Amino acid sequence: MSFSDTELAVVRTAAEREGMASAAWAGRQVMAVAQHVLVPVSRDAGAVLRELIAARVHLRETVTALRALAAADPPAIALREPAADVVARALDAVARVDAATVAVMRERRPRS
């Protein structure tokens, strides 16, 4: 394998982070790709996957907030405004996950 100076710097940094020699780290990555354990994605797909992860975290937080509202003791009228806000946030999170999922589906290419 050969790398440009920039690519080699990235490989060295990654290898150092994991306490490995550069060649060993690169070899492990090549084998992972060859065995379909690691599937390389474009930079855009990486950004989309990060968005999916962030949206999932947001959804979990929103569900926790909805459960807290449902279990609250105050009268229902006092909960209307906070509940509406939490529901709006949940719907926003669902829309974000949906958009990111569609983007990932478009990025995927069938393998031969």
C-alpha atoms as a PDB file:
ATOM      1  CA  MET A   1       0.000   0.000   0.000  1.00  0.00           C
ATOM      2  CA  SER A   2       1.114   3.541  -0.508  1.00  0.00           C
ATOM      3  CA  PHE A   3      -0.163   6.737   1.058  1.00  0.00           C
ATOM      4  CA  SER A   4       0.248  10.422   0.375  1.00  0.00           C
ATOM      5  CA  ASP A   5       1.948  12.403   3.158  1.00  0.00           C
ATOM      6  CA  THR A   6      -1.452  13.556   4.435  1.00  0.00           C
ATOM      7  CA  GLU A   7      -2.917  10.046   4.366  1.00  0.00           C
ATOM      8  CA  LEU A   8       0.127   8.630   6.139  1.00  0.00           C
ATOM      9  CA  ALA A   9      -0.194  11.273   8.863  1.00  0.00           C
ATOM     10  CA  VAL A  10      -3.827  10.232   9.403  1.00  0.00           C
ATOM     11  CA  VAL A  11      -2.834   6.538   9.543  1.00  0.00           C
ATOM     12  CA  ARG A  12      -0.030   7.271  12.017  1.00  0.00           C
ATOM     13  CA  THR A  13      -2.336   9.318  14.239  1.00  0.00           C
ATOM     14  CA  ALA A  14      -4.964   6.560  14.272  1.00  0.00           C
ATOM     15  CA  ALA A  15      -2.356   3.886  14.950  1.00  0.00           C
ATOM     16  CA  GLU A  16      -0.809   5.884  17.796  1.00  0.00           C
ATOM     17  CA  ARG A  17      -4.251   6.431  19.312  1.00  0.00           C
ATOM     18  CA  GLU A  18      -4.654   2.640  19.504  1.00  0.00           C
ATOM     19  CA  GLY A  19      -1.046   1.944  20.505  1.00  0.00           C
ATOM     20  CA  MET A  20      -0.220   0.100  17.289  1.00  0.00           C
ATOM     21  CA  ALA A  21       2.396   0.304  14.576  1.00  0.00           C
ATOM     22  CA  SER A  22       1.115   2.078  11.455  1.00  0.00           C
ATOM     23  CA  ALA A  23       1.455  -1.024   9.251  1.00  0.00           C
ATOM     24  CA  ALA A  24      -0.348  -3.216  11.799  1.00  0.00           C
ATOM     25  CA  TRP A  25      -3.182  -0.699  12.142  1.00  0.00           C
ATOM     26  CA  ALA A  26      -3.549  -0.333   8.361  1.00  0.00           C
ATOM     27  CA  GLY A  27      -3.458  -4.119   7.909  1.00  0.00           C
ATOM     28  CA  ARG A  28      -6.200  -4.576  10.516  1.00  0.00           C
ATOM     29  CA  GLN A  29      -8.385  -2.003   8.747  1.00  0.00           C
ATOM     30  CA  VAL A  30      -7.813  -3.582   5.327  1.00  0.00           C
ATOM     31  CA  MET A  31      -8.788  -7.023   6.675  1.00  0.00           C
ATOM     32  CA  ALA A  32     -11.877  -5.607   8.381  1.00  0.00           C
ATOM     33  CA  VAL A  33     -13.030  -4.078   5.093  1.00  0.00           C
ATOM     34  CA  ALA A  34     -12.224  -7.261   3.159  1.00  0.00           C
ATOM     35  CA  GLN A  35     -14.245  -9.333   5.632  1.00  0.00           C
ATOM     36  CA  HIS A  36     -17.146  -6.828   5.591  1.00  0.00           C
ATOM     37  CA  VAL A  37     -16.678  -6.157   9.314  1.00  0.00           C
ATOM     38  CA  LEU A  38     -15.932  -2.512   8.547  1.00  0.00           C
ATOM     39  CA  VAL A  39     -17.845  -0.818   5.760  1.00  0.00           C
ATOM     40  CA  PRO A  40     -16.209   2.397   4.571  1.00  0.00           C
ATOM     41  CA  VAL A  41     -18.570   5.295   3.952  1.00  0.00           C
ATOM     42  CA  SER A  42     -18.121   8.651   2.307  1.00  0.00           C
ATOM     43  CA  ARG A  43     -17.529  11.778   4.365  1.00  0.00           C
ATOM     44  CA  ASP A  44     -21.143  12.808   3.697  1.00  0.00           C
ATOM     45  CA  ALA A  45     -22.451   9.452   4.914  1.00  0.00           C
ATOM     46  CA  GLY A  46     -20.326   9.802   8.041  1.00  0.00           C
ATOM     47  CA  ALA A  47     -21.977  13.150   8.759  1.00  0.00           C
ATOM     48  CA  VAL A  48     -25.382  11.587   8.212  1.00  0.00           C
ATOM     49  CA  LEU A  49     -24.581   8.721  10.568  1.00  0.00           C
ATOM     50  CA  ARG A  50     -23.455  11.205  13.229  1.00  0.00           C
ATOM     51  CA  GLU A  51     -26.766  13.028  12.786  1.00  0.00           C
ATOM     52  CA  LEU A  52     -28.668   9.765  13.215  1.00  0.00           C
ATOM     53  CA  ILE A  53     -26.805   9.054  16.446  1.00  0.00           C
ATOM     54  CA  ALA A  54     -27.455  12.582  17.768  1.00  0.00           C
ATOM     55  CA  ALA A  55     -31.129  12.339  16.830  1.00  0.00           C
ATOM     56  CA  ARG A  56     -31.485   8.997  18.599  1.00  0.00           C
ATOM     57  CA  VAL A  57     -29.994  10.511  21.780  1.00  0.00           C
ATOM     58  CA  HIS A  58     -32.426  13.417  21.476  1.00  0.00           C
ATOM     59  CA  LEU A  59     -35.337  11.017  21.036  1.00  0.00           C
ATOM     60  CA  ARG A  60     -34.371   9.073  24.166  1.00  0.00           C
ATOM     61  CA  GLU A  61     -34.209  12.315  26.178  1.00  0.00           C
ATOM     62  CA  THR A  62     -37.584  13.354  24.790  1.00  0.00           C
ATOM     63  CA  VAL A  63     -39.171  10.032  25.688  1.00  0.00           C
ATOM     64  CA  THR A  64     -37.829  10.393  29.235  1.00  0.00           C
ATOM     65  CA  ALA A  65     -39.369  13.867  29.447  1.00  0.00           C
ATOM     66  CA  LEU A  66     -42.711  12.578  28.133  1.00  0.00           C
ATOM     67  CA  ARG A  67     -42.721   9.803  30.729  1.00  0.00           C
ATOM     68  CA  ALA A  68     -41.997  12.336  33.480  1.00  0.00           C
ATOM     69  CA  LEU A  69     -44.920  14.483  32.307  1.00  0.00           C
ATOM     70  CA  ALA A  70     -47.225  11.489  32.207  1.00  0.00           C
ATOM     71  CA  ALA A  71     -46.289  10.504  35.766  1.00  0.00           C
ATOM     72  CA  ALA A  72     -46.562  14.036  37.218  1.00  0.00           C
ATOM     73  CA  ASP A  73     -49.046  14.820  40.006  1.00  0.00           C
ATOM     74  CA  PRO A  74     -50.139  18.403  39.122  1.00  0.00           C
ATOM     75  CA  PRO A  75     -53.498  18.950  37.399  1.00  0.00           C
ATOM     76  CA  ALA A  76     -53.652  18.276  33.657  1.00  0.00           C
ATOM     77  CA  ILE A  77     -54.095  21.979  32.796  1.00  0.00           C
ATOM     78  CA  ALA A  78     -50.666  22.761  34.277  1.00  0.00           C
ATOM     79  CA  LEU A  79     -49.118  20.163  31.966  1.00  0.00           C
ATOM     80  CA  ARG A  80     -50.630  21.301  28.669  1.00  0.00           C
ATOM     81  CA  GLU A  81     -47.943  23.816  27.731  1.00  0.00           C
ATOM     82  CA  PRO A  82     -44.925  21.699  28.783  1.00  0.00           C
ATOM     83  CA  ALA A  83     -46.477  18.619  27.186  1.00  0.00           C
ATOM     84  CA  ALA A  84     -47.037  20.476  23.924  1.00  0.00           C
ATOM     85  CA  ASP A  85     -43.390  21.571  23.943  1.00  0.00           C
ATOM     86  CA  VAL A  86     -42.157  18.020  24.598  1.00  0.00           C
ATOM     87  CA  VAL A  87     -44.396  16.603  21.876  1.00  0.00           C
ATOM     88  CA  ALA A  88     -43.099  19.239  19.429  1.00  0.00           C
ATOM     89  CA  ARG A  89     -39.514  18.290  20.298  1.00  0.00           C
ATOM     90  CA  ALA A  90     -40.322  14.600  19.834  1.00  0.00           C
ATOM     91  CA  LEU A  91     -41.849  15.258  16.427  1.00  0.00           C
ATOM     92  CA  ASP A  92     -38.801  17.317  15.443  1.00  0.00           C
ATOM     93  CA  ALA A  93     -36.520  14.468  16.479  1.00  0.00           C
ATOM     94  CA  VAL A  94     -38.560  11.950  14.500  1.00  0.00           C
ATOM     95  CA  ALA A  95     -38.326  14.177  11.417  1.00  0.00           C
ATOM     96  CA  ARG A  96     -34.534  14.441  11.844  1.00  0.00           C
ATOM     97  CA  VAL A  97     -34.147  10.670  12.135  1.00  0.00           C
ATOM     98  CA  ASP A  98     -36.398  10.118   9.114  1.00  0.00           C
ATOM     99  CA  ALA A  99     -34.418  12.565   6.965  1.00  0.00           C
ATOM    100  CA  ALA A 100     -31.088  11.092   8.019  1.00  0.00           C
ATOM    101  CA  THR A 101     -32.319   7.560   7.385  1.00  0.00           C
ATOM    102  CA  VAL A 102     -33.462   8.440   3.867  1.00  0.00           C
ATOM    103  CA  ALA A 103     -30.081  10.049   3.191  1.00  0.00           C
ATOM    104  CA  VAL A 104     -28.226   6.921   4.349  1.00  0.00           C
ATOM    105  CA  MET A 105     -30.482   4.713   2.224  1.00  0.00           C
ATOM    106  CA  ARG A 106     -29.657   6.821  -0.835  1.00  0.00           C
ATOM    107  CA  GLU A 107     -25.932   6.585  -0.060  1.00  0.00           C
ATOM    108  CA  ARG A 108     -25.876   2.791   0.176  1.00  0.00           C
ATOM    109  CA  ARG A 109     -24.915   0.953  -2.955  1.00  0.00           C
ATOM    110  CA  PRO A 110     -25.644  -2.697  -3.624  1.00  0.00           C
ATOM    111  CA  ARG A 111     -22.622  -4.966  -3.282  1.00  0.00           C
ATOM    112  CA  SER A 112     -21.749  -7.454  -5.990  1.00  0.00           C
END
